[in-house]
Protein backbone atom coordinates (compact mmCIF):
# COMPACT_ATOMS: atom_id res chain seq x y z
CA UNK A 1 1.11 48.51 -33.64
CA UNK A 2 3.01 47.83 -30.47
CA UNK A 3 1.90 51.16 -29.01
CA UNK A 4 -1.78 50.26 -29.49
CA UNK A 5 -1.45 47.14 -27.33
CA UNK A 6 0.23 49.21 -24.67
CA UNK A 7 -2.56 51.79 -24.85
CA UNK A 8 -5.24 49.09 -24.55
CA UNK A 9 -3.45 47.70 -21.51
CA UNK A 10 -3.41 51.13 -19.94
CA UNK A 11 -7.11 51.60 -20.66
CA UNK A 12 -7.92 48.27 -19.01
CA UNK A 13 -5.88 49.27 -15.97
CA UNK A 14 -7.72 52.60 -15.79
CA UNK A 15 -11.10 50.87 -15.99
CA UNK A 16 -10.04 48.49 -13.23
CA UNK A 17 -8.94 51.40 -11.08
CA UNK A 18 -12.20 53.27 -11.72
CA UNK A 19 -14.16 50.22 -10.61
CA UNK A 20 -12.09 49.91 -7.44
CA UNK A 21 -12.51 53.64 -6.76
CA UNK A 22 -16.28 53.38 -7.15
CA UNK A 23 -16.35 50.43 -4.78
CA UNK A 24 -14.19 52.26 -2.23
CA UNK A 25 -16.46 55.32 -2.50
CA UNK A 26 -19.52 53.15 -1.88
CA UNK A 27 -17.87 51.52 1.14
CA UNK A 28 -17.03 54.97 2.52
CA UNK A 29 -20.73 55.81 2.55
CA UNK A 30 -21.39 52.79 4.75
CA UNK A 31 -18.85 53.87 7.38
CA UNK A 32 -20.07 55.58 10.55
CA UNK A 33 -17.80 57.99 12.39
CA UNK A 34 -18.57 59.60 15.73
CA UNK A 35 -17.54 62.90 17.21
CA UNK A 36 -18.22 63.78 20.82
CA UNK A 37 -18.07 66.84 23.06
CA UNK A 38 -18.70 67.64 26.69
CA UNK A 39 -17.35 64.31 27.86
CA UNK A 40 -19.71 62.44 25.54
CA UNK A 41 -22.77 64.46 26.49
CA UNK A 42 -23.19 65.44 22.84
CA UNK A 43 -22.46 62.93 20.07
CA UNK A 44 -22.68 63.31 16.33
CA UNK A 45 -22.44 60.40 13.89
CA UNK A 46 -21.60 61.02 10.23
CA UNK A 47 -21.17 58.75 7.25
CA UNK A 48 -17.98 58.45 5.25
CA UNK A 49 -19.74 60.68 2.73
CA UNK A 50 -19.84 63.39 5.42
CA UNK A 51 -23.60 63.28 5.96
CA UNK A 52 -24.85 63.79 9.52
CA UNK A 53 -26.74 60.63 10.47
CA UNK A 54 -27.40 61.10 14.18
CA UNK A 55 -27.18 63.73 16.89
CA UNK A 56 -27.49 62.54 20.48
CA UNK A 57 -27.78 65.02 23.33
CA UNK A 58 -27.78 63.92 26.95
CA UNK A 59 -30.71 65.66 28.70
CA UNK A 60 -28.39 66.72 31.53
CA UNK A 61 -26.54 69.08 29.18
CA UNK A 62 -29.75 70.89 28.16
CA UNK A 63 -29.88 74.13 30.12
CA UNK A 64 -32.43 76.67 28.89
CA UNK A 65 -30.32 79.36 30.56
CA UNK A 66 -27.21 78.40 28.53
CA UNK A 67 -28.29 77.43 25.01
CA UNK A 68 -25.00 78.76 23.61
CA UNK A 69 -23.02 76.05 25.43
CA UNK A 70 -25.19 73.34 23.88
CA UNK A 71 -24.79 74.90 20.45
CA UNK A 72 -21.01 74.99 20.92
CA UNK A 73 -20.95 71.32 21.96
CA UNK A 74 -22.95 70.33 18.86
CA UNK A 75 -20.53 72.27 16.64
CA UNK A 76 -17.49 70.69 18.32
CA UNK A 77 -18.89 67.15 18.04
CA UNK A 78 -19.90 67.70 14.41
CA UNK A 79 -16.49 69.09 13.46
CA UNK A 80 -14.75 66.16 15.16
CA UNK A 81 -16.90 63.63 13.29
CA UNK A 82 -16.36 65.46 9.99
CA UNK A 83 -12.59 65.53 10.55
CA UNK A 84 -12.64 61.76 11.09
CA UNK A 85 -14.67 61.33 7.88
CA UNK A 86 -12.20 63.53 5.98
CA UNK A 87 -9.26 61.55 7.32
CA UNK A 88 -10.94 58.27 6.32
CA UNK A 89 -11.69 59.63 2.84
CA UNK A 90 -8.09 60.76 2.38
CA UNK A 91 -6.63 57.46 3.50
CA UNK A 92 -9.12 55.39 1.48
CA UNK A 93 -9.18 57.35 -1.76
CA UNK A 94 -5.57 58.53 -1.53
CA UNK A 95 -4.37 55.04 -2.40
CA UNK A 96 -5.66 55.58 -5.93
CA UNK A 97 -3.79 58.82 -6.52
CA UNK A 98 -0.49 57.90 -4.84
CA UNK A 99 2.37 58.65 -7.18
CA UNK A 100 0.17 60.23 -9.86
CA UNK A 101 1.06 63.77 -8.76
CA UNK A 102 -2.40 65.14 -9.53
CA UNK A 103 -3.14 68.54 -7.95
CA UNK A 104 -6.36 68.94 -6.02
CA UNK A 105 -7.14 65.25 -5.72
CA UNK A 106 -8.36 63.83 -2.41
């Protein structure tokens, strides 16, 4: 019988952790992270869920003769913003898997 109480305690702890994880995941979605390129001429804002929310391009960087440069700047800014979102996700969600030694988690 003693083992059952221990198991129920573990289940309650797991439910608590799941609730905290869901809350942390929701809060991640509300975060806004910015990547920039070309000295801030191109900016990309993503959510903590890694969704692109905004792309801002300074008109001075728009050169019809050099579209490739603009495309490169957009890619660089997007990758920077996504890397920040990934880092935030790892630091936020990693607290739940610390010490569990689970492969492939956050």
